[in-house]
Protein backbone atom coordinates (compact mmCIF):
# COMPACT_ATOMS: atom_id res chain seq x y z
CA MET A 1 24.10 32.33 -29.69
CA SER A 2 24.30 33.48 -33.06
CA ILE A 3 26.87 36.47 -33.82
CA LEU A 4 26.76 36.70 -36.94
CA THR A 5 23.75 35.25 -39.22
CA VAL A 6 23.93 35.63 -42.74
CA LYS A 7 21.35 34.95 -45.42
CA ASN A 8 20.78 34.24 -49.13
CA LEU A 9 23.83 36.50 -50.21
CA ASN A 10 24.62 36.37 -53.99
CA HIS A 11 27.72 38.38 -54.99
CA GLY A 12 29.68 38.93 -58.41
CA PHE A 13 32.16 41.15 -60.70
CA GLY A 14 30.70 41.24 -64.52
CA ASP A 15 29.21 38.09 -65.24
CA ARG A 16 31.58 35.89 -62.88
CA ALA A 17 29.26 34.47 -60.20
CA ILE A 18 31.81 34.89 -56.77
CA LEU A 19 28.80 34.18 -54.00
CA ASN A 20 25.62 32.19 -54.39
CA ASN A 21 22.88 31.95 -52.26
CA VAL A 22 25.26 31.54 -49.78
CA SER A 23 23.94 31.76 -45.49
CA PHE A 24 26.44 31.03 -42.82
CA ARG A 25 25.51 31.13 -38.65
CA LEU A 26 28.68 31.94 -36.27
CA LEU A 27 28.11 31.10 -33.06
CA LYS A 28 30.05 32.33 -29.61
CA GLY A 29 33.25 30.75 -29.38
CA GLU A 30 33.62 28.93 -32.31
CA HIS A 31 36.80 28.32 -34.09
CA ILE A 32 36.35 28.20 -37.99
CA GLY A 33 38.77 27.71 -40.74
CA LEU A 34 37.54 29.29 -44.59
CA ILE A 35 39.17 27.60 -46.83
CA GLY A 36 38.81 27.18 -50.84
CA ALA A 37 40.98 27.78 -53.80
CA ASN A 38 42.44 30.63 -54.50
CA GLY A 39 39.64 32.88 -56.39
CA GLU A 40 36.79 31.21 -54.63
CA GLY A 41 35.60 34.42 -52.99
CA LYS A 42 36.94 34.19 -49.41
CA SER A 43 38.52 37.72 -49.01
CA THR A 44 35.25 38.79 -50.79
CA PHE A 45 33.27 37.23 -48.37
CA MET A 46 34.84 38.39 -45.06
CA ASN A 47 34.62 42.30 -46.93
CA ILE A 48 31.05 41.81 -47.31
CA ILE A 49 30.34 40.78 -43.89
CA THR A 50 32.83 43.74 -42.48
CA GLY A 51 30.50 46.37 -44.68
CA LYS A 52 33.63 46.80 -47.12
CA LEU A 53 31.77 45.68 -49.70
CA GLU A 54 27.85 45.84 -50.37
CA PRO A 55 27.08 42.52 -51.73
CA ASP A 56 24.17 42.27 -54.89
CA GLU A 57 21.20 40.39 -52.71
CA GLY A 58 20.88 39.06 -49.10
CA SER A 59 21.29 39.91 -45.65
CA ILE A 60 24.36 40.24 -42.91
CA GLU A 61 23.45 40.19 -39.19
CA TRP A 62 25.44 40.85 -36.34
CA SER A 63 24.23 40.50 -32.71
CA LYS A 64 23.71 44.05 -30.93
CA HIS A 65 27.31 45.40 -29.26
CA VAL A 66 29.60 43.08 -30.91
CA ARG A 67 33.19 44.14 -31.20
CA VAL A 68 34.14 42.81 -34.62
CA GLY A 69 38.23 42.85 -35.40
CA TYR A 70 39.46 42.42 -39.06
CA LEU A 71 42.80 41.77 -40.26
CA ASP A 72 42.85 43.55 -43.26
CA GLN A 73 46.37 44.03 -44.73
CA HIS A 74 44.93 46.85 -46.77
CA THR A 75 44.77 49.54 -43.76
CA THR A 76 46.90 52.11 -44.19
CA LEU A 77 49.11 53.54 -40.91
CA GLU A 78 49.15 57.36 -40.02
CA LYS A 79 52.75 58.84 -40.45
CA GLY A 80 54.15 60.09 -37.45
CA LEU A 81 52.80 56.95 -34.96
CA THR A 82 54.88 54.49 -33.69
CA ILE A 83 54.52 50.96 -33.13
CA ARG A 84 53.89 51.64 -29.41
CA ASP A 85 51.38 54.87 -30.60
CA VAL A 86 49.69 52.48 -32.82
CA LEU A 87 49.44 49.80 -30.28
CA LYS A 88 48.33 51.66 -27.02
CA ASN A 89 45.43 52.99 -29.57
CA ALA A 90 44.13 49.32 -29.14
CA PHE A 91 42.78 50.47 -26.12
CA LYS A 92 41.54 54.28 -26.76
CA TYR A 93 37.98 53.53 -25.42
CA LEU A 94 39.82 52.78 -22.01
CA PHE A 95 42.09 56.12 -22.49
CA ASP A 96 38.19 57.83 -22.85
CA ILE A 97 37.32 56.67 -19.92
CA GLU A 98 40.13 57.54 -17.87
CA ASN A 99 39.45 61.10 -19.35
CA GLU A 100 35.94 61.04 -18.73
CA LEU A 101 37.11 59.88 -14.93
CA ASN A 102 39.46 63.00 -14.27
CA ASP A 103 36.45 65.30 -15.70
CA LEU A 104 34.06 64.20 -13.12
CA TYR A 105 36.78 64.20 -10.70
CA GLY A 106 37.65 68.10 -11.00
CA LYS A 107 34.11 68.80 -10.61
CA MET A 108 33.63 67.03 -7.47
CA GLY A 109 34.58 70.30 -5.35
CA ASP A 110 32.16 72.65 -7.03
CA VAL A 111 28.57 70.34 -5.98
CA SER A 112 26.57 69.65 -3.14
CA PRO A 113 26.74 66.89 -1.38
CA GLU A 114 23.85 65.06 -3.18
CA GLU A 115 25.83 65.63 -6.54
CA LEU A 116 28.65 64.55 -4.97
CA GLU A 117 27.19 61.15 -4.26
CA VAL A 118 26.19 60.87 -7.81
CA LEU A 119 29.50 61.62 -8.91
CA MET A 120 31.22 59.22 -6.35
CA GLU A 121 28.95 56.49 -7.79
CA GLU A 122 29.89 56.93 -11.44
CA THR A 123 33.44 57.61 -10.80
CA GLY A 124 33.33 54.06 -8.74
CA THR A 125 31.64 52.34 -11.97
CA LEU A 126 34.42 53.74 -14.28
CA GLN A 127 37.00 53.22 -12.02
CA ASP A 128 35.95 49.47 -12.19
CA ILE A 129 35.83 49.52 -15.98
CA LEU A 130 39.48 50.27 -16.14
CA THR A 131 40.21 47.87 -13.38
CA ASN A 132 38.59 44.91 -15.16
CA ASN A 133 39.91 45.80 -18.21
CA ASP A 134 43.71 46.12 -17.00
CA PHE A 135 43.75 49.57 -18.02
CA TYR A 136 47.05 49.72 -15.57
CA VAL A 137 49.05 47.47 -16.93
CA ILE A 138 48.53 48.24 -20.46
CA ASP A 139 51.91 48.87 -21.37
CA THR A 140 52.88 45.37 -19.86
CA LYS A 141 49.90 44.13 -22.52
CA VAL A 142 51.25 45.45 -25.20
CA GLU A 143 54.96 44.58 -24.54
CA GLU A 144 53.72 40.93 -24.38
CA ILE A 145 51.86 40.66 -27.80
CA ALA A 146 55.20 43.57 -29.34
CA ARG A 147 57.42 40.38 -28.52
CA GLY A 148 55.18 37.26 -29.00
CA LEU A 149 54.85 39.07 -32.98
CA GLY A 150 58.46 39.78 -32.98
CA LEU A 151 57.97 43.58 -32.91
CA VAL A 152 60.13 44.64 -29.94
CA ASP A 153 63.15 43.41 -32.35
CA ILE A 154 62.34 45.85 -35.02
CA GLY A 155 61.76 48.68 -31.93
CA LEU A 156 58.52 50.07 -30.58
CA ASP A 157 59.32 53.45 -31.21
CA LYS A 158 59.81 53.18 -35.27
CA ASP A 159 58.14 55.53 -37.25
CA VAL A 160 55.25 52.96 -38.67
CA HIS A 161 55.66 54.57 -42.46
CA ASP A 162 58.98 53.02 -42.51
CA LEU A 163 57.66 49.40 -42.49
CA SER A 164 57.85 46.94 -44.65
CA GLY A 165 54.36 45.55 -45.83
CA GLY A 166 55.27 42.41 -43.86
CA GLN A 167 55.96 44.45 -40.66
CA ARG A 168 53.27 46.32 -40.99
CA THR A 169 50.90 43.25 -41.12
CA LYS A 170 51.94 42.49 -37.83
CA VAL A 171 51.65 45.48 -35.99
CA LEU A 172 48.41 45.65 -37.18
CA LEU A 173 47.44 41.98 -35.66
CA ALA A 174 49.08 43.01 -32.72
CA LYS A 175 46.69 45.58 -32.47
CA LEU A 176 43.79 43.52 -33.39
CA LEU A 177 45.05 40.98 -30.47
CA LEU A 178 45.52 43.65 -28.04
CA GLU A 179 41.49 45.23 -28.48
CA LYS A 180 40.40 41.43 -27.99
CA PRO A 181 37.21 41.94 -30.16
CA ASP A 182 34.17 39.10 -29.97
CA ILE A 183 35.23 37.73 -32.97
CA LEU A 184 38.49 37.75 -34.63
CA LEU A 185 38.59 37.94 -38.39
CA LEU A 186 41.93 36.66 -40.08
CA ASP A 187 42.64 36.63 -43.56
CA GLU A 188 46.32 34.98 -44.15
CA PRO A 189 48.14 36.31 -40.73
CA THR A 190 50.82 33.76 -41.33
CA ASN A 191 52.15 35.26 -44.59
CA TYR A 192 54.73 37.47 -43.12
CA LEU A 193 55.48 35.89 -40.06
CA ASP A 194 58.26 33.43 -39.25
CA GLU A 195 58.32 30.13 -37.61
CA GLN A 196 58.55 30.98 -33.85
CA HIS A 197 55.66 33.88 -34.17
CA ILE A 198 53.71 31.53 -36.15
CA GLU A 199 54.00 28.93 -33.24
CA TRP A 200 53.71 32.01 -30.60
CA LEU A 201 50.18 32.61 -32.52
CA LYS A 202 49.13 29.69 -32.60
CA ARG A 203 49.43 29.23 -28.76
CA TYR A 204 47.51 32.27 -28.85
CA LEU A 205 44.45 31.22 -30.38
CA LEU A 206 44.00 27.74 -29.18
CA ASP A 207 43.74 29.90 -25.92
CA TYR A 208 41.48 32.71 -27.58
CA GLU A 209 37.80 31.88 -25.67
CA ASN A 210 36.15 34.22 -28.33
CA ALA A 211 34.89 33.48 -32.17
CA PHE A 212 37.11 33.58 -34.83
CA ILE A 213 37.32 32.93 -38.53
CA LEU A 214 40.57 32.35 -40.13
CA ILE A 215 41.86 32.07 -43.85
CA SER A 216 44.75 30.43 -44.23
CA HIS A 217 46.55 28.05 -46.59
CA ASP A 218 49.16 27.13 -44.21
CA ILE A 219 47.41 23.65 -42.72
CA PRO A 220 49.46 22.51 -40.53
CA PHE A 221 48.53 25.72 -38.96
CA LEU A 222 44.88 25.91 -39.71
CA ASN A 223 44.85 22.42 -38.38
CA SER A 224 46.11 23.24 -34.94
CA VAL A 225 43.83 25.78 -34.44
CA ILE A 226 40.44 25.52 -35.76
CA ASN A 227 37.58 23.06 -34.64
CA LEU A 228 34.76 23.76 -37.78
CA ILE A 229 35.83 24.28 -41.59
CA TYR A 230 33.67 26.36 -44.30
CA HIS A 231 34.60 25.06 -47.93
CA MET A 232 33.88 27.65 -50.37
CA GLU A 233 33.48 26.31 -54.16
CA HIS A 234 31.92 27.08 -56.72
CA ALA A 235 30.17 30.14 -55.38
CA GLU A 236 28.82 28.05 -52.26
CA LEU A 237 29.55 27.63 -48.56
CA THR A 238 29.43 24.05 -46.89
CA ARG A 239 29.99 23.93 -43.46
CA TYR A 240 32.61 20.44 -42.15
CA VAL A 241 32.71 19.09 -38.21
CA GLY A 242 36.46 19.28 -37.22
CA ASN A 243 39.66 20.34 -38.48
CA TYR A 244 40.91 20.24 -42.21
CA ASP A 245 42.08 16.84 -42.56
CA ASP A 246 38.38 15.66 -41.16
CA PHE A 247 37.24 17.72 -44.24
CA LYS A 248 39.10 16.48 -46.80
CA ARG A 249 38.46 12.80 -45.81
CA ILE A 250 34.51 13.67 -46.06
CA TYR A 251 34.75 15.86 -48.97
CA GLU A 252 36.89 12.83 -50.95
CA ALA A 253 34.04 10.66 -49.90
CA LYS A 254 31.66 12.72 -50.98
CA GLN A 255 33.29 13.66 -54.29
CA LYS A 256 33.23 10.03 -55.02
CA GLN A 257 29.35 9.50 -53.92
CA ILE A 258 28.51 12.24 -56.31
CA GLU A 259 30.85 10.56 -59.39
CA ALA A 260 28.96 7.52 -58.60
CA ALA A 261 26.08 8.24 -58.57
CA TYR A 262 26.55 10.53 -61.51
CA LYS A 263 27.29 7.37 -63.65
CA LYS A 264 24.89 5.68 -62.57
CA GLN A 265 22.26 7.83 -63.52
CA GLN A 266 24.17 8.46 -67.21
CA ASP A 267 23.66 4.58 -67.98
CA GLU A 268 20.08 4.65 -67.02
CA ILE A 269 19.96 7.89 -68.96
CA ALA A 270 21.30 5.98 -71.80
CA GLU A 271 19.05 3.18 -71.55
CA LEU A 272 16.00 4.97 -71.35
CA LYS A 273 17.13 7.16 -74.73
CA ASP A 274 17.92 4.36 -76.25
CA PHE A 275 14.46 2.53 -75.70
CA VAL A 276 12.66 5.53 -76.64
CA ALA A 277 14.26 6.18 -79.53
CA ARG A 278 13.29 2.14 -80.59
CA ASN A 279 9.70 1.85 -79.40
CA LYS A 280 8.01 5.45 -79.87
CA ALA A 281 7.02 4.67 -83.78
CA ARG A 282 5.52 1.38 -83.14
CA VAL A 283 1.83 1.39 -82.28
CA SER A 284 2.46 -1.42 -80.14
CA THR A 285 5.20 -0.14 -77.89
CA ARG A 286 4.89 3.87 -78.10
CA ASN A 287 2.37 4.23 -74.72
CA MET A 288 5.84 2.37 -72.87
CA ALA A 289 8.18 4.57 -74.74
CA MET A 290 5.95 7.37 -73.76
CA SER A 291 6.29 6.59 -70.34
CA ARG A 292 10.10 6.23 -70.72
CA GLN A 293 10.27 9.72 -71.98
CA LYS A 294 8.23 11.53 -69.18
CA LYS A 295 10.28 9.48 -66.90
CA LEU A 296 13.32 11.37 -68.33
CA ASP A 297 11.64 14.63 -68.68
CA LYS A 298 11.26 14.83 -64.90
CA MET A 299 14.66 13.55 -64.04
CA ASP A 300 16.77 15.88 -61.89
CA VAL A 301 20.00 15.69 -63.29
CA ILE A 302 23.08 15.59 -61.93
CA GLU A 303 25.69 17.51 -62.89
CA LEU A 304 29.54 17.35 -62.32
CA GLN A 305 30.94 20.71 -61.56
CA LYS A 306 34.17 21.75 -63.79
CA GLU A 307 36.82 20.55 -62.09
CA LYS A 308 38.96 23.69 -61.60
CA PRO A 309 42.19 23.84 -63.44
CA LYS A 310 45.34 22.87 -61.37
CA PRO A 311 48.35 24.72 -61.99
CA GLU A 312 51.26 22.81 -63.53
CA PHE A 313 54.83 24.48 -62.86
CA HIS A 314 57.88 23.50 -64.78
CA PHE A 315 61.07 25.89 -64.83
CA LYS A 316 62.97 26.69 -67.89
CA ILE A 317 66.43 25.83 -67.56
CA ALA A 318 69.15 28.04 -68.92
CA ARG A 319 73.14 26.63 -69.75
CA ALA A 320 74.92 25.43 -66.63
CA SER A 321 76.18 28.21 -64.22
CA GLY A 322 79.93 28.49 -63.13
CA LYS A 323 80.84 26.36 -59.97
CA MET A 324 80.29 29.42 -57.92
CA LEU A 325 77.00 31.03 -57.54
CA PHE A 326 77.98 34.04 -55.54
CA SER A 327 80.92 33.88 -52.79
CA THR A 328 80.63 37.05 -50.48
CA LYS A 329 84.00 38.84 -48.48
CA ASP A 330 83.13 39.81 -45.20
CA LEU A 331 79.82 41.57 -46.15
CA VAL A 332 77.85 43.11 -43.68
CA ILE A 333 73.83 43.84 -44.61
CA GLY A 334 71.64 46.52 -43.48
CA TYR A 335 70.13 50.17 -44.23
CA ASP A 336 71.09 53.07 -41.67
CA SER A 337 72.88 50.53 -39.47
CA PRO A 338 74.22 46.63 -40.15
CA LEU A 339 72.01 43.45 -39.48
CA SER A 340 74.80 41.22 -39.42
CA LYS A 341 78.19 40.14 -38.54
CA PRO A 342 80.77 40.15 -41.68
CA LEU A 343 79.88 36.83 -43.59
CA ASN A 344 81.99 35.06 -45.62
CA LEU A 345 79.35 32.78 -47.61
CA THR A 346 79.71 30.48 -50.69
CA MET A 347 77.10 28.83 -52.80
CA GLU A 348 77.63 26.31 -55.96
CA ARG A 349 76.11 25.37 -58.26
CA GLY A 350 73.61 22.44 -57.54
CA GLN A 351 72.80 23.52 -54.12
CA LYS A 352 69.33 24.27 -52.93
CA ILE A 353 69.37 26.25 -49.74
CA ALA A 354 66.83 28.04 -47.36
CA LEU A 355 67.49 30.81 -45.91
CA VAL A 356 65.28 31.27 -42.23
CA GLY A 357 65.40 32.69 -38.77
CA ALA A 358 62.96 35.43 -37.10
CA ASN A 359 61.74 37.91 -39.51
CA GLY A 360 63.33 41.65 -39.16
CA LEU A 361 67.33 40.01 -39.22
CA GLY A 362 67.67 40.94 -43.07
CA LYS A 363 67.20 37.44 -45.06
CA THR A 364 65.18 39.67 -47.47
CA THR A 365 68.17 42.29 -47.42
CA LEU A 366 70.45 39.70 -48.22
CA LEU A 367 69.02 38.69 -51.28
CA LYS A 368 69.20 42.09 -52.35
CA SER A 369 72.32 42.73 -51.30
CA ILE A 370 73.66 39.32 -53.38
CA LEU A 371 71.73 41.24 -56.76
CA GLY A 372 73.58 44.32 -55.91
CA GLU A 373 69.79 45.83 -55.07
CA ILE A 374 70.37 47.02 -52.45
CA PRO A 375 74.65 48.71 -51.48
CA SER A 376 75.79 46.74 -48.54
CA VAL A 377 77.39 48.53 -45.07
CA SER A 378 80.58 47.06 -46.17
CA GLY A 379 82.63 43.82 -47.65
CA SER A 380 81.82 42.75 -51.20
CA VAL A 381 79.40 40.38 -53.14
CA GLU A 382 81.38 38.28 -56.25
CA LEU A 383 78.95 36.78 -58.84
CA GLY A 384 79.70 33.63 -60.85
CA ASP A 385 79.78 33.04 -64.58
CA TYR A 386 76.78 32.34 -67.05
CA LEU A 387 74.48 33.13 -64.09
CA HIS A 388 71.00 33.45 -65.52
CA LEU A 389 68.69 34.66 -62.47
CA GLY A 390 64.94 34.26 -61.74
CA TYR A 391 64.07 36.26 -58.83
CA PHE A 392 60.46 35.88 -56.95
CA GLU A 393 59.84 39.28 -54.88
CA GLN A 394 58.02 38.96 -51.69
CA GLU A 395 56.26 41.89 -52.23
CA ILE A 396 54.99 44.03 -54.85
CA LYS A 397 54.28 47.55 -53.66
CA GLU A 398 52.54 49.69 -56.75
CA GLY A 399 49.01 49.13 -57.60
CA ASN A 400 49.34 47.22 -60.84
CA TYR A 401 46.36 48.00 -63.34
CA ASN A 402 47.62 46.10 -66.24
CA SER A 403 45.49 42.78 -67.62
CA CYS A 404 47.36 39.52 -67.10
CA ILE A 405 47.61 39.16 -70.77
CA ASP A 406 49.84 42.54 -71.25
CA GLU A 407 51.71 41.64 -67.99
CA LEU A 408 53.28 38.86 -69.47
CA TRP A 409 53.44 40.49 -73.47
CA ALA A 410 55.48 43.08 -71.47
CA GLU A 411 58.11 40.46 -70.43
CA PHE A 412 57.68 38.35 -73.55
CA PRO A 413 56.77 40.57 -77.08
CA SER A 414 57.61 37.50 -79.47
CA TYR A 415 54.83 35.31 -77.72
CA THR A 416 51.31 34.78 -79.63
CA GLN A 417 48.02 35.67 -77.72
CA TYR A 418 47.53 32.29 -77.73
CA GLU A 419 50.89 31.36 -76.28
CA ILE A 420 50.48 34.23 -73.64
CA ARG A 421 46.92 32.84 -72.70
CA ALA A 422 48.39 28.57 -72.87
CA ALA A 423 51.12 30.11 -70.43
CA LEU A 424 49.25 31.86 -68.08
CA ALA A 425 46.35 28.74 -68.11
CA LYS A 426 49.00 26.55 -67.48
CA CYS A 427 49.49 28.53 -64.20
CA GLY A 428 45.71 27.57 -63.17
CA LEU A 429 44.20 30.86 -64.23
CA THR A 430 41.02 30.67 -65.84
CA THR A 431 39.82 32.84 -69.01
CA LYS A 432 38.36 35.33 -66.77
CA HIS A 433 41.59 35.96 -64.49
CA ILE A 434 43.49 36.03 -68.02
CA GLU A 435 41.45 38.61 -68.98
CA SER A 436 41.10 40.76 -65.72
CA LYS A 437 43.60 43.42 -64.86
CA ILE A 438 46.28 41.91 -62.18
CA LEU A 439 44.76 44.87 -59.78
CA VAL A 440 41.19 42.93 -59.11
CA LEU A 441 42.84 39.14 -58.86
CA SER A 442 43.41 37.58 -55.20
CA GLY A 443 46.55 37.52 -53.96
CA GLY A 444 46.97 34.21 -54.63
CA GLU A 445 46.17 34.82 -58.49
CA GLN A 446 48.65 37.50 -58.84
CA ALA A 447 51.22 35.39 -57.20
CA LYS A 448 50.60 33.00 -60.16
CA VAL A 449 50.87 35.33 -62.96
CA ARG A 450 54.49 36.38 -61.35
CA LEU A 451 55.26 32.65 -61.19
CA CYS A 452 54.12 32.41 -64.59
CA LYS A 453 56.65 35.13 -65.87
CA LEU A 454 59.34 33.33 -64.12
CA ILE A 455 58.85 30.01 -64.89
CA ASN A 456 58.72 31.25 -68.80
CA ARG A 457 62.54 32.64 -68.64
CA GLU A 458 65.14 30.68 -68.84
CA THR A 459 67.10 30.00 -65.44
CA ASN A 460 70.07 28.27 -64.19
CA PHE A 461 69.39 30.19 -60.69
CA LEU A 462 66.24 31.13 -58.72
CA ILE A 463 66.10 33.45 -55.87
CA LEU A 464 62.75 33.24 -54.15
CA ASP A 465 61.61 35.25 -51.43
CA GLU A 466 58.49 33.48 -49.42
CA PRO A 467 57.11 32.13 -52.98
CA THR A 468 54.59 30.22 -50.67
CA ASN A 469 52.64 33.21 -49.82
CA HIS A 470 48.92 33.43 -50.68
CA LEU A 471 49.30 30.32 -52.77
CA ASP A 472 46.59 27.52 -52.54
CA VAL A 473 47.07 23.87 -51.18
CA ASP A 474 47.58 22.46 -55.04
CA ALA A 475 49.55 25.53 -56.34
CA LYS A 476 51.74 25.12 -53.57
CA ASP A 477 52.55 21.25 -54.06
CA GLU A 478 53.02 22.34 -57.30
CA LEU A 479 55.32 24.48 -56.76
CA LYS A 480 57.12 22.40 -54.54
CA ARG A 481 57.57 19.32 -56.84
CA ALA A 482 58.51 22.13 -59.92
CA ILE A 483 61.24 23.06 -57.30
CA LYS A 484 62.64 19.40 -56.80
CA GLU A 485 62.75 18.71 -60.78
CA TYR A 486 64.46 22.19 -61.03
CA LYS A 487 68.02 21.47 -62.21
CA GLY A 488 69.07 24.48 -61.27
CA SER A 489 70.30 26.29 -57.79
CA VAL A 490 67.82 27.64 -55.65
CA LEU A 491 68.40 29.96 -52.61
CA ILE A 492 64.97 30.58 -51.03
CA ILE A 493 63.24 32.23 -47.75
CA CYS A 494 60.41 30.07 -46.54
CA HIS A 495 58.53 29.83 -43.41
CA GLU A 496 57.00 26.72 -43.61
CA PRO A 497 58.96 23.88 -42.69
CA GLU A 498 56.75 21.01 -44.32
CA PHE A 499 57.80 23.01 -47.57
CA TYR A 500 61.55 23.04 -47.82
CA GLN A 501 62.38 20.66 -45.67
CA ASP A 502 62.81 17.66 -48.13
CA VAL A 503 63.50 20.22 -51.28
CA VAL A 504 66.90 22.01 -50.17
CA THR A 505 70.31 20.56 -49.35
CA ASP A 506 70.95 23.28 -47.08
CA VAL A 507 69.21 25.14 -44.52
CA TRP A 508 71.31 28.84 -43.36
CA ASN A 509 69.89 30.11 -40.00
CA CYS A 510 70.42 33.97 -40.29
CA GLU A 511 70.02 34.32 -36.39
CA GLU A 512 73.70 32.63 -36.21
CA TRP A 513 74.87 35.73 -37.66
CA THR A 514 72.84 38.49 -36.54
CA THR A 515 73.96 41.67 -34.60
CA LYS A 516 70.38 41.81 -33.33
CA LEU A 517 69.45 40.29 -29.91
CA ILE A 518 66.84 36.81 -30.52
């Protein structure tokens, strides 16, 4: 049974086509991975099917009474509500039924026997709905999902207004899972989850009986939970049966076939054109030349799609730092309360260290404490000599109305416009992206602009906070290669072991230092 039918969808921004005559059908229970490079239109497609964006042309038809749950990281949460309040709000429809039930019970004392019988039947139906939907164990269900996603560690009575972007996304995801809609739409749900909670979400989705569409650049995660791939490329959507590895094998074989057919056709076109050129003027061969020309005119010419620019990251290296990069003495990190035991850490030149552990334990707080961006609870940090730092922040909160060119020019005022454009193009951005405002770019494209600023500054110590969030597969592979090649030192927070394991020299586990219960 079809839950969603999309027909002949067209959508674009200015003269840039995002979706071209796209059709799509979602069946009950399908687990779909929606993939494609940064900026191909995956999130745009999600926004169109959920009604947040009007398509230029085409139709979107949901079957009746379908409950849709969409993980939208831009949803705002109301100040004054706790995490628990937001999660329990997933069951609002059941609380409404409970109120209706109580109203009916209140009327029972003032009605005739016949009316009482009708009310008894109504209350029985409503009571069954509450019982069948686990209304009387809501607190247990809330606790179970909250624990699985690490929200219990944050504190269920914390005001949602005080949460970080990553914590807010976790709350929205937990609420969505508690609602258990007929279809889940998940746009990069693992971006703010650590390894432990990604593993929990993986198990949850494997057992999920309803349909979902998942956008993710985390290939091991994607591979483990989906059975269909829809690939978005050149404004088209193509269906593949199987997981990402199956898709890649079939896609590469198709590309080779198209390239072979293109080469064969180009050889035939060259021969035909040559024959026509040599024979059209001679009376004896003119008819044959005209016949070849007709064949040329009618030929359905194969066109190879222009290859998307692949990013190239090369970090510029500054002069060598001193032997010691930083050392901490009895450093206790935190805000209102301590997040760590007293830390005595030292990092030396040449080390590449991954900082791992569950979310909420203070990994980002530690980075900011080392950089002096926030005060520590107690203790001290000593930075080494001749440090040229490059810092990639996980989260940029404010909306950025600069164009990509202006953003980079503000950082490198001595560059010519040609140098600015060339630097951005090297990071995999097209001319249209480069001339756009940062605000309208996808998350992956924005990350590439920020990486562009980083790689064009001379550094000897990179501090990277979740740099792989939003990046597509090609960009992640290139970033990994660039970090491996980098001659300086690196301190990185990353939740993808397959990214950092063969890059770093050491792994520091925050769970060994935390004051929280794990």
